Amino acid sequence: MGLKEFLVTSEGESVPIPQYYRKYQQRLKTLQKRLSRKKKGSKRCLKALIAVAKQHKKVADKRKYFHFKTANDLLLKAEVIAQT
């Protein structure tokens, strides 16, 4: 169960869903595994934690940028925008 398209306009144009999390899933898995092997509270654990957080932020930023870019494209194309 899930969405097939991110957005479909009234003209029938569709915007596919970007799979940012899926793209970075392997990298996140590696970083989280490295983190789990560190001794809690150590300096290396904190460094690994920061690396995981940076990767999650990267995914979040890409999603946010995609949403803003898509909304801006719609605003530039459309004469009238209505929500149902």
PDB file of N, CA and C in Angstrom:
ATOM      1  N   MET A   1       0.842  -1.168   0.000  1.00  0.00           N
ATOM      2  CA  MET A   1       0.000   0.000   0.000  1.00  0.00           C
ATOM      3  C   MET A   1       0.887   1.229   0.000  1.00  0.00           C
ATOM      4  N   GLY A   2       0.550   2.184  -0.819  1.00  0.00           N
ATOM      5  CA  GLY A   2       1.326   3.410  -0.862  1.00  0.00           C
ATOM      6  C   GLY A   2       0.933   4.245  -2.062  1.00  0.00           C
ATOM      7  N   LEU A   3       1.607   5.352  -2.196  1.00  0.00           N
ATOM      8  CA  LEU A   3       1.336   6.252  -3.304  1.00  0.00           C
ATOM      9  C   LEU A   3       2.112   5.820  -4.536  1.00  0.00           C
ATOM     10  N   LYS A   4       1.489   5.983  -5.684  1.00  0.00           N
ATOM     11  CA  LYS A   4       2.181   5.684  -6.939  1.00  0.00           C
ATOM     12  C   LYS A   4       2.816   6.941  -7.515  1.00  0.00           C
ATOM     13  N   GLU A   5       2.148   8.066  -7.328  1.00  0.00           N
ATOM     14  CA  GLU A   5       2.647   9.352  -7.809  1.00  0.00           C
ATOM     15  C   GLU A   5       2.650  10.337  -6.654  1.00  0.00           C
ATOM     16  N   PHE A   6       3.608  11.260  -6.666  1.00  0.00           N
ATOM     17  CA  PHE A   6       3.648  12.297  -5.635  1.00  0.00           C
ATOM     18  C   PHE A   6       2.550  13.315  -5.875  1.00  0.00           C
ATOM     19  N   LEU A   7       2.319  13.617  -7.164  1.00  0.00           N
ATOM     20  CA  LEU A   7       1.386  14.671  -7.505  1.00  0.00           C
ATOM     21  C   LEU A   7       0.865  14.444  -8.915  1.00  0.00           C
ATOM     22  N   VAL A   8      -0.422  14.683  -9.115  1.00  0.00           N
ATOM     23  CA  VAL A   8      -1.016  14.642 -10.448  1.00  0.00           C
ATOM     24  C   VAL A   8      -1.810  15.929 -10.616  1.00  0.00           C
ATOM     25  N   THR A   9      -1.479  16.689 -11.662  1.00  0.00           N
ATOM     26  CA  THR A   9      -2.167  17.954 -11.903  1.00  0.00           C
ATOM     27  C   THR A   9      -3.471  17.715 -12.649  1.00  0.00           C
ATOM     28  N   SER A  10      -4.252  18.766 -12.776  1.00  0.00           N
ATOM     29  CA  SER A  10      -5.529  18.642 -13.477  1.00  0.00           C
ATOM     30  C   SER A  10      -5.330  18.388 -14.972  1.00  0.00           C
ATOM     31  N   GLU A  11      -4.158  18.746 -15.506  1.00  0.00           N
ATOM     32  CA  GLU A  11      -3.851  18.466 -16.912  1.00  0.00           C
ATOM     33  C   GLU A  11      -3.385  17.032 -17.124  1.00  0.00           C
ATOM     34  N   GLY A  12      -3.188  16.316 -16.046  1.00  0.00           N
ATOM     35  CA  GLY A  12      -2.760  14.927 -16.157  1.00  0.00           C
ATOM     36  C   GLY A  12      -1.267  14.728 -16.011  1.00  0.00           C
ATOM     37  N   GLU A  13      -0.515  15.810 -15.802  1.00  0.00           N
ATOM     38  CA  GLU A  13       0.923  15.679 -15.576  1.00  0.00           C
ATOM     39  C   GLU A  13       1.138  15.045 -14.206  1.00  0.00           C
ATOM     40  N   SER A  14       2.102  14.154 -14.121  1.00  0.00           N
ATOM     41  CA  SER A  14       2.366  13.527 -12.833  1.00  0.00           C
ATOM     42  C   SER A  14       3.825  13.713 -12.440  1.00  0.00           C
ATOM     43  N   VAL A  15       4.046  13.800 -11.139  1.00  0.00           N
ATOM     44  CA  VAL A  15       5.392  13.930 -10.595  1.00  0.00           C
ATOM     45  C   VAL A  15       5.666  12.651  -9.808  1.00  0.00           C
ATOM     46  N   PRO A  16       6.689  11.907 -10.190  1.00  0.00           N
ATOM     47  CA  PRO A  16       6.982  10.665  -9.467  1.00  0.00           C
ATOM     48  C   PRO A  16       7.492  10.951  -8.060  1.00  0.00           C
ATOM     49  N   ILE A  17       7.366   9.955  -7.196  1.00  0.00           N
ATOM     50  CA  ILE A  17       7.837  10.085  -5.825  1.00  0.00           C
ATOM     51  C   ILE A  17       9.344   9.821  -5.807  1.00  0.00           C
ATOM     52  N   PRO A  18      10.131  10.791  -5.334  1.00  0.00           N
ATOM     53  CA  PRO A  18      11.570  10.518  -5.224  1.00  0.00           C
ATOM     54  C   PRO A  18      11.825   9.636  -4.000  1.00  0.00           C
ATOM     55  N   GLN A  19      12.605   8.625  -4.172  1.00  0.00           N
ATOM     56  CA  GLN A  19      12.865   7.673  -3.096  1.00  0.00           C
ATOM     57  C   GLN A  19      14.202   7.996  -2.418  1.00  0.00           C
ATOM     58  N   TYR A  20      14.263   9.140  -1.742  1.00  0.00           N
ATOM     59  CA  TYR A  20      15.517   9.562  -1.130  1.00  0.00           C
ATOM     60  C   TYR A  20      15.944   8.626  -0.010  1.00  0.00           C
ATOM     61  N   TYR A  21      15.002   8.215   0.828  1.00  0.00           N
ATOM     62  CA  TYR A  21      15.363   7.325   1.932  1.00  0.00           C
ATOM     63  C   TYR A  21      15.894   6.001   1.395  1.00  0.00           C
ATOM     64  N   ARG A  22      15.232   5.457   0.389  1.00  0.00           N
ATOM     65  CA  ARG A  22      15.677   4.183  -0.194  1.00  0.00           C
ATOM     66  C   ARG A  22      17.079   4.314  -0.789  1.00  0.00           C
ATOM     67  N   LYS A  23      17.349   5.483  -1.375  1.00  0.00           N
ATOM     68  CA  LYS A  23      18.641   5.719  -1.996  1.00  0.00           C
ATOM     69  C   LYS A  23      19.769   5.695  -0.960  1.00  0.00           C
ATOM     70  N   TYR A  24      19.507   6.268   0.212  1.00  0.00           N
ATOM     71  CA  TYR A  24      20.533   6.372   1.243  1.00  0.00           C
ATOM     72  C   TYR A  24      20.413   5.301   2.321  1.00  0.00           C
ATOM     73  N   GLN A  25      19.547   4.329   2.143  1.00  0.00           N
ATOM     74  CA  GLN A  25      19.297   3.307   3.143  1.00  0.00           C
ATOM     75  C   GLN A  25      20.551   2.484   3.457  1.00  0.00           C
ATOM     76  N   GLN A  26      21.312   2.117   2.457  1.00  0.00           N
ATOM     77  CA  GLN A  26      22.510   1.309   2.672  1.00  0.00           C
ATOM     78  C   GLN A  26      23.544   2.091   3.474  1.00  0.00           C
ATOM     79  N   ARG A  27      23.711   3.367   3.155  1.00  0.00           N
ATOM     80  CA  ARG A  27      24.671   4.206   3.887  1.00  0.00           C
ATOM     81  C   ARG A  27      24.241   4.356   5.349  1.00  0.00           C
ATOM     82  N   LEU A  28      22.956   4.574   5.574  1.00  0.00           N
ATOM     83  CA  LEU A  28      22.443   4.691   6.935  1.00  0.00           C
ATOM     84  C   LEU A  28      22.653   3.387   7.711  1.00  0.00           C
ATOM     85  N   LYS A  29      22.428   2.289   7.051  1.00  0.00           N
ATOM     86  CA  LYS A  29      22.613   0.979   7.691  1.00  0.00           C
ATOM     87  C   LYS A  29      24.059   0.821   8.155  1.00  0.00           C
ATOM     88  N   THR A  30      24.997   1.184   7.297  1.00  0.00           N
ATOM     89  CA  THR A  30      26.412   1.073   7.623  1.00  0.00           C
ATOM     90  C   THR A  30      26.773   1.953   8.812  1.00  0.00           C
ATOM     91  N   LEU A  31      26.318   3.208   8.771  1.00  0.00           N
ATOM     92  CA  LEU A  31      26.645   4.137   9.853  1.00  0.00           C
ATOM     93  C   LEU A  31      26.014   3.711  11.174  1.00  0.00           C
ATOM     94  N   GLN A  32      24.793   3.223  11.127  1.00  0.00           N
ATOM     95  CA  GLN A  32      24.127   2.799  12.351  1.00  0.00           C
ATOM     96  C   GLN A  32      24.775   1.543  12.928  1.00  0.00           C
ATOM     97  N   LYS A  33      25.262   0.678  12.060  1.00  0.00           N
ATOM     98  CA  LYS A  33      25.953  -0.524  12.528  1.00  0.00           C
ATOM     99  C   LYS A  33      27.271  -0.136  13.204  1.00  0.00           C
ATOM    100  N   ARG A  34      27.981   0.830  12.603  1.00  0.00           N
ATOM    101  CA  ARG A  34      29.217   1.316  13.222  1.00  0.00           C
ATOM    102  C   ARG A  34      28.936   1.909  14.598  1.00  0.00           C
ATOM    103  N   LEU A  35      27.854   2.666  14.688  1.00  0.00           N
ATOM    104  CA  LEU A  35      27.473   3.300  15.953  1.00  0.00           C
ATOM    105  C   LEU A  35      27.161   2.250  17.017  1.00  0.00           C
ATOM    106  N   SER A  36      26.479   1.190  16.625  1.00  0.00           N
ATOM    107  CA  SER A  36      26.069   0.174  17.600  1.00  0.00           C
ATOM    108  C   SER A  36      27.260  -0.569  18.192  1.00  0.00           C
ATOM    109  N   ARG A  37      28.388  -0.550  17.508  1.00  0.00           N
ATOM    110  CA  ARG A  37      29.582  -1.261  17.989  1.00  0.00           C
ATOM    111  C   ARG A  37      30.438  -0.413  18.930  1.00  0.00           C
ATOM    112  N   LYS A  38      30.134   0.875  19.042  1.00  0.00           N
ATOM    113  CA  LYS A  38      30.936   1.763  19.884  1.00  0.00           C
ATOM    114  C   LYS A  38      30.495   1.671  21.341  1.00  0.00           C
ATOM    115  N   LYS A  39      31.428   1.957  22.224  1.00  0.00           N
ATOM    116  CA  LYS A  39      31.124   1.971  23.660  1.00  0.00           C
ATOM    117  C   LYS A  39      30.330   3.231  23.971  1.00  0.00           C
ATOM    118  N   LYS A  40      29.205   3.067  24.647  1.00  0.00           N
ATOM    119  CA  LYS A  40      28.312   4.190  24.952  1.00  0.00           C
ATOM    120  C   LYS A  40      29.056   5.268  25.739  1.00  0.00           C
ATOM    121  N   GLY A  41      28.877   6.514  25.319  1.00  0.00           N
ATOM    122  CA  GLY A  41      29.474   7.634  26.030  1.00  0.00           C
ATOM    123  C   GLY A  41      30.889   7.969  25.612  1.00  0.00           C
ATOM    124  N   SER A  42      31.508   7.147  24.767  1.00  0.00           N
ATOM    125  CA  SER A  42      32.883   7.421  24.349  1.00  0.00           C
ATOM    126  C   SER A  42      32.896   8.504  23.277  1.00  0.00           C
ATOM    127  N   LYS A  43      34.078   9.046  23.061  1.00  0.00           N
ATOM    128  CA  LYS A  43      34.224  10.089  22.055  1.00  0.00           C
ATOM    129  C   LYS A  43      33.941   9.535  20.653  1.00  0.00           C
ATOM    130  N   ARG A  44      34.362   8.317  20.408  1.00  0.00           N
ATOM    131  CA  ARG A  44      34.108   7.684  19.100  1.00  0.00           C
ATOM    132  C   ARG A  44      32.619   7.426  18.888  1.00  0.00           C
ATOM    133  N   CYS A  45      31.915   7.110  19.974  1.00  0.00           N
ATOM    134  CA  CYS A  45      30.463   6.907  19.892  1.00  0.00           C
ATOM    135  C   CYS A  45      29.785   8.218  19.497  1.00  0.00           C
ATOM    136  N   LEU A  46      30.233   9.307  20.098  1.00  0.00           N
ATOM    137  CA  LEU A  46      29.647  10.616  19.768  1.00  0.00           C
ATOM    138  C   LEU A  46      29.916  10.995  18.311  1.00  0.00           C
ATOM    139  N   LYS A  47      31.127  10.681  17.836  1.00  0.00           N
ATOM    140  CA  LYS A  47      31.453  10.964  16.431  1.00  0.00           C
ATOM    141  C   LYS A  47      30.577  10.146  15.488  1.00  0.00           C
ATOM    142  N   ALA A  48      30.365   8.888  15.840  1.00  0.00           N
ATOM    143  CA  ALA A  48      29.513   8.015  15.019  1.00  0.00           C
ATOM    144  C   ALA A  48      28.068   8.494  15.051  1.00  0.00           C
ATOM    145  N   LEU A  49      27.621   8.956  16.218  1.00  0.00           N
ATOM    146  CA  LEU A  49      26.265   9.480  16.360  1.00  0.00           C
ATOM    147  C   LEU A  49      26.066  10.710  15.486  1.00  0.00           C
ATOM    148  N   ILE A  50      27.067  11.570  15.447  1.00  0.00           N
ATOM    149  CA  ILE A  50      27.000  12.774  14.611  1.00  0.00           C
ATOM    150  C   ILE A  50      26.940  12.389  13.134  1.00  0.00           C
ATOM    151  N   ALA A  51      27.689  11.352  12.745  1.00  0.00           N
ATOM    152  CA  ALA A  51      27.675  10.907  11.345  1.00  0.00           C
ATOM    153  C   ALA A  51      26.291  10.398  10.954  1.00  0.00           C
ATOM    154  N   VAL A  52      25.639   9.649  11.840  1.00  0.00           N
ATOM    155  CA  VAL A  52      24.283   9.151  11.572  1.00  0.00           C
ATOM    156  C   VAL A  52      23.309  10.323  11.465  1.00  0.00           C
ATOM    157  N   ALA A  53      23.432  11.268  12.385  1.00  0.00           N
ATOM    158  CA  ALA A  53      22.544  12.439  12.375  1.00  0.00           C
ATOM    159  C   ALA A  53      22.712  13.254  11.098  1.00  0.00           C
ATOM    160  N   LYS A  54      23.955  13.411  10.642  1.00  0.00           N
ATOM    161  CA  LYS A  54      24.214  14.157   9.403  1.00  0.00           C
ATOM    162  C   LYS A  54      23.555  13.473   8.207  1.00  0.00           C
ATOM    163  N   GLN A  55      23.622  12.146   8.178  1.00  0.00           N
ATOM    164  CA  GLN A  55      23.025  11.411   7.056  1.00  0.00           C
ATOM    165  C   GLN A  55      21.512  11.556   7.065  1.00  0.00           C
ATOM    166  N   HIS A  56      20.890  11.484   8.246  1.00  0.00           N
ATOM    167  CA  HIS A  56      19.444  11.674   8.346  1.00  0.00           C
ATOM    168  C   HIS A  56      19.061  13.094   7.923  1.00  0.00           C
ATOM    169  N   LYS A  57      19.871  14.073   8.303  1.00  0.00           N
ATOM    170  CA  LYS A  57      19.589  15.460   7.923  1.00  0.00           C
ATOM    171  C   LYS A  57      19.703  15.646   6.409  1.00  0.00           C
ATOM    172  N   LYS A  58      20.651  14.956   5.819  1.00  0.00           N
ATOM    173  CA  LYS A  58      20.831  15.034   4.371  1.00  0.00           C
ATOM    174  C   LYS A  58      19.564  14.557   3.642  1.00  0.00           C
ATOM    175  N   VAL A  59      19.000  13.448   4.106  1.00  0.00           N
ATOM    176  CA  VAL A  59      17.771  12.906   3.517  1.00  0.00           C
ATOM    177  C   VAL A  59      16.622  13.896   3.728  1.00  0.00           C
ATOM    178  N   ALA A  60      16.510  14.435   4.938  1.00  0.00           N
ATOM    179  CA  ALA A  60      15.438  15.385   5.253  1.00  0.00           C
ATOM    180  C   ALA A  60      15.548  16.648   4.403  1.00  0.00           C
ATOM    181  N   ASP A  61      16.771  17.139   4.216  1.00  0.00           N
ATOM    182  CA  ASP A  61      16.976  18.342   3.411  1.00  0.00           C
ATOM    183  C   ASP A  61      16.621  18.108   1.948  1.00  0.00           C
ATOM    184  N   LYS A  62      16.960  16.928   1.429  1.00  0.00           N
ATOM    185  CA  LYS A  62      16.620  16.609   0.040  1.00  0.00           C
ATOM    186  C   LYS A  62      15.107  16.560  -0.149  1.00  0.00           C
ATOM    187  N   ARG A  63      14.402  15.968   0.817  1.00  0.00           N
ATOM    188  CA  ARG A  63      12.941  15.932   0.743  1.00  0.00           C
ATOM    189  C   ARG A  63      12.355  17.326   0.779  1.00  0.00           C
ATOM    190  N   LYS A  64      12.858  18.147   1.689  1.00  0.00           N
ATOM    191  CA  LYS A  64      12.351  19.512   1.839  1.00  0.00           C
ATOM    192  C   LYS A  64      12.580  20.311   0.553  1.00  0.00           C
ATOM    193  N   TYR A  65      13.783  20.188  -0.017  1.00  0.00           N
ATOM    194  CA  TYR A  65      14.105  20.893  -1.251  1.00  0.00           C
ATOM    195  C   TYR A  65      13.176  20.442  -2.382  1.00  0.00           C
ATOM    196  N   PHE A  66      12.916  19.140  -2.460  1.00  0.00           N
ATOM    197  CA  PHE A  66      12.023  18.620  -3.493  1.00  0.00           C
ATOM    198  C   PHE A  66      10.624  19.217  -3.356  1.00  0.00           C
ATOM    199  N   HIS A  67      10.117  19.302  -2.122  1.00  0.00           N
ATOM    200  CA  HIS A  67       8.781  19.858  -1.905  1.00  0.00           C
ATOM    201  C   HIS A  67       8.718  21.332  -2.307  1.00  0.00           C
ATOM    202  N   PHE A  68       9.729  22.111  -1.915  1.00  0.00           N
ATOM    203  CA  PHE A  68       9.743  23.519  -2.278  1.00  0.00           C
ATOM    204  C   PHE A  68       9.869  23.705  -3.789  1.00  0.00           C
ATOM    205  N   LYS A  69      10.728  22.906  -4.408  1.00  0.00           N
ATOM    206  CA  LYS A  69      10.936  23.007  -5.854  1.00  0.00           C
ATOM    207  C   LYS A  69       9.653  22.652  -6.608  1.00  0.00           C
ATOM    208  N   THR A  70       8.970  21.596  -6.183  1.00  0.00           N
ATOM    209  CA  THR A  70       7.732  21.166  -6.823  1.00  0.00           C
ATOM    210  C   THR A  70       6.646  22.227  -6.662  1.00  0.00           C
ATOM    211  N   ALA A  71       6.522  22.774  -5.461  1.00  0.00           N
ATOM    212  CA  ALA A  71       5.519  23.815  -5.205  1.00  0.00           C
ATOM    213  C   ALA A  71       5.811  25.053  -6.047  1.00  0.00           C
ATOM    214  N   ASN A  72       7.065  25.426  -6.151  1.00  0.00           N
ATOM    215  CA  ASN A  72       7.433  26.597  -6.944  1.00  0.00           C
ATOM    216  C   ASN A  72       7.126  26.375  -8.425  1.00  0.00           C
ATOM    217  N   ASP A  73       7.418  25.199  -8.934  1.00  0.00           N
ATOM    218  CA  ASP A  73       7.112  24.880 -10.333  1.00  0.00           C
ATOM    219  C   ASP A  73       5.612  24.976 -10.600  1.00  0.00           C
ATOM    220  N   LEU A  74       4.816  24.464  -9.661  1.00  0.00           N
ATOM    221  CA  LEU A  74       3.358  24.539  -9.810  1.00  0.00           C
ATOM    222  C   LEU A  74       2.875  25.985  -9.813  1.00  0.00           C
ATOM    223  N   LEU A  75       3.424  26.798  -8.925  1.00  0.00           N
ATOM    224  CA  LEU A  75       3.012  28.202  -8.849  1.00  0.00           C
ATOM    225  C   LEU A  75       3.366  28.963 -10.121  1.00  0.00           C
ATOM    226  N   LEU A  76       4.509  28.641 -10.708  1.00  0.00           N
ATOM    227  CA  LEU A  76       4.917  29.322 -11.939  1.00  0.00           C
ATOM    228  C   LEU A  76       4.041  28.920 -13.128  1.00  0.00           C
ATOM    229  N   LYS A  77       3.594  27.661 -13.171  1.00  0.00           N
ATOM    230  CA  LYS A  77       2.788  27.170 -14.286  1.00  0.00           C
ATOM    231  C   LYS A  77       1.321  27.566 -14.180  1.00  0.00           C
ATOM    232  N   ALA A  78       0.774  27.541 -12.983  1.00  0.00           N
ATOM    233  CA  ALA A  78      -0.667  27.647 -12.801  1.00  0.00           C
ATOM    234  C   ALA A  78      -1.166  29.089 -12.762  1.00  0.00           C
ATOM    235  N   GLU A  79      -2.384  29.279 -13.264  1.00  0.00           N
ATOM    236  CA  GLU A  79      -3.066  30.560 -13.143  1.00  0.00           C
ATOM    237  C   GLU A  79      -3.864  30.596 -11.852  1.00  0.00           C
ATOM    238  N   VAL A  80      -4.531  29.470 -11.550  1.00  0.00           N
ATOM    239  CA  VAL A  80      -5.355  29.370 -10.357  1.00  0.00           C
ATOM    240  C   VAL A  80      -4.999  28.088  -9.635  1.00  0.00           C
ATOM    241  N   ILE A  81      -4.874  28.196  -8.313  1.00  0.00           N
ATOM    242  CA  ILE A  81      -4.589  27.019  -7.495  1.00  0.00           C
ATOM    243  C   ILE A  81      -5.704  26.907  -6.478  1.00  0.00           C
ATOM    244  N   ALA A  82      -6.340  25.734  -6.429  1.00  0.00           N
ATOM    245  CA  ALA A  82      -7.437  25.500  -5.489  1.00  0.00           C
ATOM    246  C   ALA A  82      -7.215  24.177  -4.784  1.00  0.00           C
ATOM    247  N   GLN A  83      -7.636  24.125  -3.527  1.00  0.00           N
ATOM    248  CA  GLN A  83      -7.518  22.896  -2.747  1.00  0.00           C
ATOM    249  C   GLN A  83      -8.909  22.324  -2.550  1.00  0.00           C
ATOM    250  N   THR A  84      -9.042  21.026  -2.739  1.00  0.00           N
ATOM    251  CA  THR A  84     -10.348  20.401  -2.542  1.00  0.00           C
ATOM    252  C   THR A  84     -10.380  19.594  -1.289  1.00  0.00           C
TER     253      THR A  84
END
